[in-house]
């Protein structure tokens, strides 16, 4: 079973040592930092299951770090326990307002902190439907969002996106690099949607390299064009210099035959209810898969939008 990862951020080395020893003995995978800036970088690189952060620290205090994490759609579901140096109500309120899920006053009993950690992790696992890699909403939330749009009987657009040649990239460069590509793709989708979409737009992670965006018909093509533009810019950075220069990598296809594969690209299929009635979620998924396959037949990153008119 995979160990839960915990990041400890505290400028007191004695506190960090006590926590590392206590939590390591309980089977947790521990990472630590001595200030808020280092801690934030560690959170972004390790994507932990839980964060323990001190209220007052150099460079960046606990509430500031907490606020940054909770505003990031990839990390906002990450539970944070804040440690305060005194039982000042103002500190507690400030921490909770910044998004902390729980707090403890120092000095504290390690066993009580352990109990709080177990409770917080258990509650998060039960309540959170999110992809473990990107923390974007997962399939349960995606299905619920699509059904809500159908029930509302308003115009909507669903963009299904995935990466071309990703399996070969994963096999050649390893899962760690593959995971970084997935996370960067998620951030790119979020930025593009937030920049060009609506406040109520939805972004979900189906799994692997498959994502979905739910927006409105008037916004969807602009979002998809932006995603493609940005992905084409960032894609070369996923490779080493020799691969970038060659413009391809050598890998094996699904039949085990070795051949050349171009750099990663993104294909998007767009489903809307502008010209046809969409009555159930499975129908949206089927049309989206068909359109995405059409996009994949184009050599580079592209999107294909459903233009068929329903005839009665």
Protein backbone atom coordinates (compact mmCIF):
# COMPACT_ATOMS: atom_id res chain seq x y z
CA UNK A 1 0.00 0.00 0.00
CA UNK A 2 1.32 3.48 -0.89
CA UNK A 3 2.46 5.55 2.09
CA UNK A 4 0.71 8.84 2.72
CA UNK A 5 3.10 11.77 2.17
CA UNK A 6 3.26 14.56 4.73
CA UNK A 7 5.14 17.84 4.39
CA UNK A 8 6.23 19.55 7.63
CA UNK A 9 7.04 23.27 7.47
CA UNK A 10 8.42 24.85 10.66
CA UNK A 11 11.42 27.07 11.40
CA UNK A 12 12.05 25.24 14.69
CA UNK A 13 14.40 22.29 13.98
CA UNK A 14 13.42 20.56 17.24
CA UNK A 15 9.73 20.57 16.26
CA UNK A 16 10.62 19.20 12.81
CA UNK A 17 12.75 16.44 14.34
CA UNK A 18 10.03 15.37 16.79
CA UNK A 19 7.43 15.30 14.03
CA UNK A 20 9.67 13.44 11.59
CA UNK A 21 10.47 10.74 14.15
CA UNK A 22 6.87 10.39 15.35
CA UNK A 23 5.30 10.31 11.89
CA UNK A 24 7.97 8.12 10.31
CA UNK A 25 7.39 5.50 13.01
CA UNK A 26 3.72 5.51 11.99
CA UNK A 27 4.64 4.70 8.38
CA UNK A 28 4.22 8.14 6.81
CA UNK A 29 6.61 9.41 4.13
CA UNK A 30 7.97 12.69 5.51
CA UNK A 31 9.43 15.79 3.84
CA UNK A 32 10.31 18.96 5.71
CA UNK A 33 11.21 22.61 5.15
CA UNK A 34 12.34 25.39 7.46
CA UNK A 35 10.44 28.30 5.93
CA UNK A 36 7.30 29.05 3.93
CA UNK A 37 8.98 29.58 0.56
CA UNK A 38 10.86 26.28 0.73
CA UNK A 39 7.73 24.60 2.00
CA UNK A 40 5.60 25.83 -0.90
CA UNK A 41 8.18 24.58 -3.41
CA UNK A 42 8.21 21.21 -1.63
CA UNK A 43 4.40 20.99 -1.70
CA UNK A 44 4.36 21.70 -5.44
CA UNK A 45 7.01 19.08 -6.19
CA UNK A 46 5.84 16.28 -3.85
CA UNK A 47 2.03 16.82 -3.92
CA UNK A 48 1.60 15.46 -0.37
CA UNK A 49 -1.52 13.99 1.18
CA UNK A 50 -1.32 16.44 4.09
CA UNK A 51 0.65 19.52 5.18
CA UNK A 52 1.62 20.57 8.71
CA UNK A 53 2.64 24.23 8.79
CA UNK A 54 3.66 26.65 11.53
CA UNK A 55 1.78 29.94 11.86
CA UNK A 56 4.83 32.19 12.14
CA UNK A 57 7.84 31.52 9.89
CA UNK A 58 10.46 33.52 7.99
CA UNK A 59 10.02 34.44 4.31
CA UNK A 60 6.36 33.35 4.21
CA UNK A 61 4.04 32.76 7.16
CA UNK A 62 1.57 29.92 7.53
CA UNK A 63 -1.63 31.79 6.61
CA UNK A 64 -0.01 33.17 3.42
CA UNK A 65 1.18 29.72 2.37
CA UNK A 66 -2.20 28.25 3.18
CA UNK A 67 -3.99 30.90 1.13
CA UNK A 68 -1.76 30.22 -1.91
CA UNK A 69 -2.33 26.47 -1.71
CA UNK A 70 -6.10 26.81 -1.37
CA UNK A 71 -6.32 29.12 -4.40
CA UNK A 72 -4.53 26.57 -6.64
CA UNK A 73 -7.11 24.23 -8.18
CA UNK A 74 -4.56 21.41 -8.26
CA UNK A 75 -3.84 21.69 -4.54
CA UNK A 76 -6.87 23.26 -2.91
CA UNK A 77 -8.21 19.91 -1.67
CA UNK A 78 -4.92 19.19 0.14
CA UNK A 79 -5.61 19.21 3.92
CA UNK A 80 -3.52 21.58 6.05
CA UNK A 81 -3.02 21.46 9.83
CA UNK A 82 -1.67 24.73 11.23
CA UNK A 83 0.43 24.97 14.37
CA UNK A 84 0.17 28.10 16.51
CA UNK A 85 2.58 29.14 19.24
CA UNK A 86 -0.11 30.34 21.60
CA UNK A 87 -3.82 29.91 22.17
CA UNK A 88 -4.59 33.32 20.67
CA UNK A 89 -8.05 33.28 19.11
CA UNK A 90 -6.88 35.78 16.46
CA UNK A 91 -4.22 33.35 15.20
CA UNK A 92 -6.73 30.51 15.02
CA UNK A 93 -9.26 32.60 13.14
CA UNK A 94 -6.60 33.88 10.74
CA UNK A 95 -5.42 30.34 9.99
CA UNK A 96 -8.92 29.03 9.41
CA UNK A 97 -9.84 32.02 7.24
CA UNK A 98 -6.79 31.28 5.10
CA UNK A 99 -8.14 27.78 4.52
CA UNK A 100 -6.51 25.62 7.21
CA UNK A 101 -8.50 22.44 7.84
CA UNK A 102 -7.43 22.10 11.49
CA UNK A 103 -5.04 23.69 13.98
CA UNK A 104 -3.11 22.75 17.12
CA UNK A 105 -1.50 24.90 19.79
CA UNK A 106 2.16 24.35 20.65
CA UNK A 107 3.35 22.64 22.75
CA UNK A 108 1.22 19.67 21.74
CA UNK A 109 1.07 15.98 22.48
CA UNK A 110 2.41 13.98 19.49
CA UNK A 111 -0.28 11.35 19.99
CA UNK A 112 -3.03 13.97 19.75
CA UNK A 113 -1.49 15.29 16.54
CA UNK A 114 -1.38 11.74 15.17
CA UNK A 115 -5.06 11.33 15.92
CA UNK A 116 -5.83 14.64 14.16
CA UNK A 117 -3.79 13.54 11.14
CA UNK A 118 -5.58 10.19 10.89
CA UNK A 119 -8.95 11.88 11.21
CA UNK A 120 -8.13 14.53 8.58
CA UNK A 121 -6.77 11.99 6.09
CA UNK A 122 -9.75 9.70 6.61
CA UNK A 123 -12.20 12.56 6.12
CA UNK A 124 -10.36 13.74 3.00
CA UNK A 125 -10.36 10.26 1.46
CA UNK A 126 -14.08 9.88 2.09
CA UNK A 127 -15.10 13.33 0.87
CA UNK A 128 -12.71 13.96 -2.01
CA UNK A 129 -13.45 12.73 -5.48
CA UNK A 130 -10.23 13.87 -7.09
CA UNK A 131 -7.52 12.43 -9.28
CA UNK A 132 -4.56 11.67 -6.97
CA UNK A 133 -2.02 13.07 -9.44
CA UNK A 134 -3.60 16.43 -10.34
CA UNK A 135 -6.24 16.81 -7.60
CA UNK A 136 -8.72 17.81 -10.28
CA UNK A 137 -12.27 16.50 -9.84
CA UNK A 138 -12.58 12.85 -10.89
CA UNK A 139 -15.18 10.76 -12.64
CA UNK A 140 -17.96 11.01 -10.05
CA UNK A 141 -17.79 14.82 -10.16
CA UNK A 142 -17.52 14.82 -13.96
CA UNK A 143 -20.64 12.71 -14.36
CA UNK A 144 -22.47 14.93 -11.86
CA UNK A 145 -21.45 18.09 -13.69
CA UNK A 146 -22.58 16.76 -17.08
CA UNK A 147 -25.92 15.61 -15.67
CA UNK A 148 -26.43 19.01 -14.03
CA UNK A 149 -25.87 20.74 -17.38
CA UNK A 150 -28.34 18.41 -19.08
CA UNK A 151 -30.94 18.97 -16.36
CA UNK A 152 -30.52 22.75 -16.54
CA UNK A 153 -31.52 22.70 -20.24
CA UNK A 154 -29.08 25.49 -21.09
CA UNK A 155 -26.45 25.61 -23.82
CA UNK A 156 -23.18 23.93 -22.89
CA UNK A 157 -20.02 22.58 -24.52
CA UNK A 158 -17.85 19.68 -23.41
CA UNK A 159 -14.23 19.42 -24.57
CA UNK A 160 -12.53 16.02 -24.23
CA UNK A 161 -8.74 16.36 -24.37
CA UNK A 162 -5.92 13.87 -24.26
CA UNK A 163 -2.27 13.63 -25.26
CA UNK A 164 -1.04 11.95 -28.44
CA UNK A 165 1.94 9.58 -28.20
CA UNK A 166 1.88 9.76 -24.40
CA UNK A 167 2.29 6.00 -23.85
CA UNK A 168 5.48 6.00 -25.91
CA UNK A 169 6.75 9.03 -23.98
CA UNK A 170 5.96 7.32 -20.67
CA UNK A 171 7.70 4.10 -21.74
CA UNK A 172 10.76 5.97 -23.00
CA UNK A 173 11.20 8.66 -20.34
CA UNK A 174 9.69 6.96 -17.30
CA UNK A 175 6.62 7.46 -15.15
CA UNK A 176 8.10 10.31 -13.11
CA UNK A 177 8.53 12.46 -16.22
CA UNK A 178 5.15 11.28 -17.47
CA UNK A 179 3.51 12.44 -14.24
CA UNK A 180 5.13 15.87 -14.63
CA UNK A 181 3.69 16.13 -18.15
CA UNK A 182 0.22 15.28 -16.82
CA UNK A 183 0.46 17.89 -14.05
CA UNK A 184 1.73 20.57 -16.43
CA UNK A 185 -1.05 19.75 -18.88
CA UNK A 186 -3.59 20.14 -16.07
CA UNK A 187 -2.19 23.55 -15.14
CA UNK A 188 -2.27 24.60 -18.79
CA UNK A 189 -5.93 23.61 -19.12
CA UNK A 190 -6.76 25.50 -15.95
CA UNK A 191 -4.95 28.66 -17.02
CA UNK A 192 -6.54 28.66 -20.47
CA UNK A 193 -10.03 28.08 -19.09
CA UNK A 194 -9.69 30.69 -16.37
CA UNK A 195 -8.37 33.23 -18.87
CA UNK A 196 -10.94 32.72 -21.63
CA UNK A 197 -13.85 30.89 -20.05
CA UNK A 198 -16.64 31.59 -17.55
CA UNK A 199 -16.48 31.63 -13.74
CA UNK A 200 -18.71 28.54 -13.57
CA UNK A 201 -16.66 26.45 -16.03
CA UNK A 202 -15.58 22.98 -14.89
CA UNK A 203 -12.32 21.09 -15.42
CA UNK A 204 -12.06 17.38 -14.60
CA UNK A 205 -9.43 14.64 -14.88
CA UNK A 206 -10.90 11.41 -16.23
CA UNK A 207 -7.63 9.55 -15.65
CA UNK A 208 -4.23 9.08 -17.25
CA UNK A 209 -3.82 11.74 -19.92
CA UNK A 210 -7.58 12.28 -20.40
CA UNK A 211 -9.23 15.53 -19.30
CA UNK A 212 -12.60 17.21 -19.74
CA UNK A 213 -13.65 20.87 -19.77
CA UNK A 214 -17.29 21.92 -19.45
CA UNK A 215 -17.99 25.46 -20.63
CA UNK A 216 -20.37 27.28 -23.01
CA UNK A 217 -20.43 27.10 -26.84
CA UNK A 218 -19.35 30.72 -27.24
CA UNK A 219 -16.18 30.13 -25.19
CA UNK A 220 -15.10 26.60 -26.06
CA UNK A 221 -13.24 27.16 -29.33
CA UNK A 222 -11.23 30.04 -27.89
CA UNK A 223 -10.27 27.91 -24.87
CA UNK A 224 -9.26 24.96 -27.05
CA UNK A 225 -7.23 27.15 -29.41
CA UNK A 226 -5.41 28.62 -26.38
CA UNK A 227 -4.72 25.16 -24.97
CA UNK A 228 -3.22 24.03 -28.27
CA UNK A 229 -1.13 27.20 -28.62
CA UNK A 230 0.26 26.86 -25.10
CA UNK A 231 0.83 23.11 -25.34
CA UNK A 232 2.80 23.50 -28.58
CA UNK A 233 5.04 25.99 -26.77
CA UNK A 234 5.66 23.82 -23.73
CA UNK A 235 5.84 20.38 -25.37
CA UNK A 236 9.52 20.62 -26.43
CA UNK A 237 10.54 21.30 -22.82
CA UNK A 238 9.48 17.77 -21.89
CA UNK A 239 12.38 16.38 -23.96
CA UNK A 240 16.16 16.50 -23.88
CA UNK A 241 18.15 18.55 -26.38
CA UNK A 242 18.84 15.69 -28.80
CA UNK A 243 15.14 14.70 -28.95
CA UNK A 244 14.11 18.32 -29.49
CA UNK A 245 16.63 18.73 -32.30
CA UNK A 246 15.54 15.49 -33.98
CA UNK A 247 11.85 16.26 -33.49
CA UNK A 248 11.07 12.65 -32.61
CA UNK A 249 11.91 9.77 -30.27
CA UNK A 250 12.40 6.08 -31.01
CA UNK A 251 9.88 3.83 -29.29
CA UNK A 252 7.71 0.79 -29.71
CA UNK A 253 4.12 0.87 -30.89
CA UNK A 254 1.34 -1.21 -29.32
CA UNK A 255 2.44 -4.21 -31.40
CA UNK A 256 6.00 -3.94 -30.13
CA UNK A 257 7.38 -2.62 -33.41
CA UNK A 258 10.12 0.01 -33.04
CA UNK A 259 9.54 3.24 -34.94
CA UNK A 260 9.83 7.03 -34.83
CA UNK A 261 7.27 9.03 -32.86
CA UNK A 262 6.89 12.80 -33.02
CA UNK A 263 6.76 15.05 -29.96
CA UNK A 264 3.73 15.09 -27.69
CA UNK A 265 0.64 16.87 -28.97
CA UNK A 266 -2.92 17.34 -27.71
CA UNK A 267 -6.17 16.31 -29.39
CA UNK A 268 -9.56 17.69 -28.36
CA UNK A 269 -13.09 16.65 -29.30
CA UNK A 270 -15.83 19.22 -28.66
CA UNK A 271 -19.45 18.22 -28.03
CA UNK A 272 -22.21 20.85 -27.78
CA UNK A 273 -25.99 20.91 -27.60
CA UNK A 274 -26.24 23.86 -30.00
CA UNK A 275 -27.56 21.80 -32.91
CA UNK A 276 -28.58 18.54 -31.28
CA UNK A 277 -30.37 17.53 -28.11
CA UNK A 278 -28.15 15.79 -25.57
CA UNK A 279 -30.24 13.75 -23.18
CA UNK A 280 -27.79 11.59 -21.23
CA UNK A 281 -24.16 11.55 -20.11
CA UNK A 282 -23.19 8.41 -22.03
CA UNK A 283 -24.31 10.07 -25.27
CA UNK A 284 -21.94 12.99 -24.60
CA UNK A 285 -19.07 10.61 -23.91
CA UNK A 286 -19.63 8.58 -27.07
CA UNK A 287 -19.74 11.65 -29.31
CA UNK A 288 -16.70 13.12 -27.56
CA UNK A 289 -14.66 9.95 -28.09
CA UNK A 290 -15.55 9.89 -31.78
CA UNK A 291 -14.57 13.54 -32.26
CA UNK A 292 -11.35 13.13 -30.33
CA UNK A 293 -10.35 10.23 -32.58
CA UNK A 294 -10.98 12.47 -35.58
CA UNK A 295 -8.70 15.08 -34.06
CA UNK A 296 -6.00 12.46 -33.52
CA UNK A 297 -5.91 11.72 -37.23
CA UNK A 298 -4.52 15.22 -37.72
CA UNK A 299 -0.73 15.21 -37.41
CA UNK A 300 -0.31 18.01 -34.85
CA UNK A 301 -2.32 19.37 -31.92
CA UNK A 302 -5.88 20.10 -33.00
CA UNK A 303 -9.54 20.18 -32.00
CA UNK A 304 -12.61 18.93 -33.83
CA UNK A 305 -16.04 20.31 -33.01
CA UNK A 306 -19.32 18.47 -33.58
CA UNK A 307 -21.17 20.27 -36.38
CA UNK A 308 -23.81 17.69 -37.15
CA UNK A 309 -27.38 18.85 -36.94
CA UNK A 310 -29.93 16.59 -35.32
CA UNK A 311 -32.84 15.80 -37.65
CA UNK A 312 -36.21 14.94 -36.24
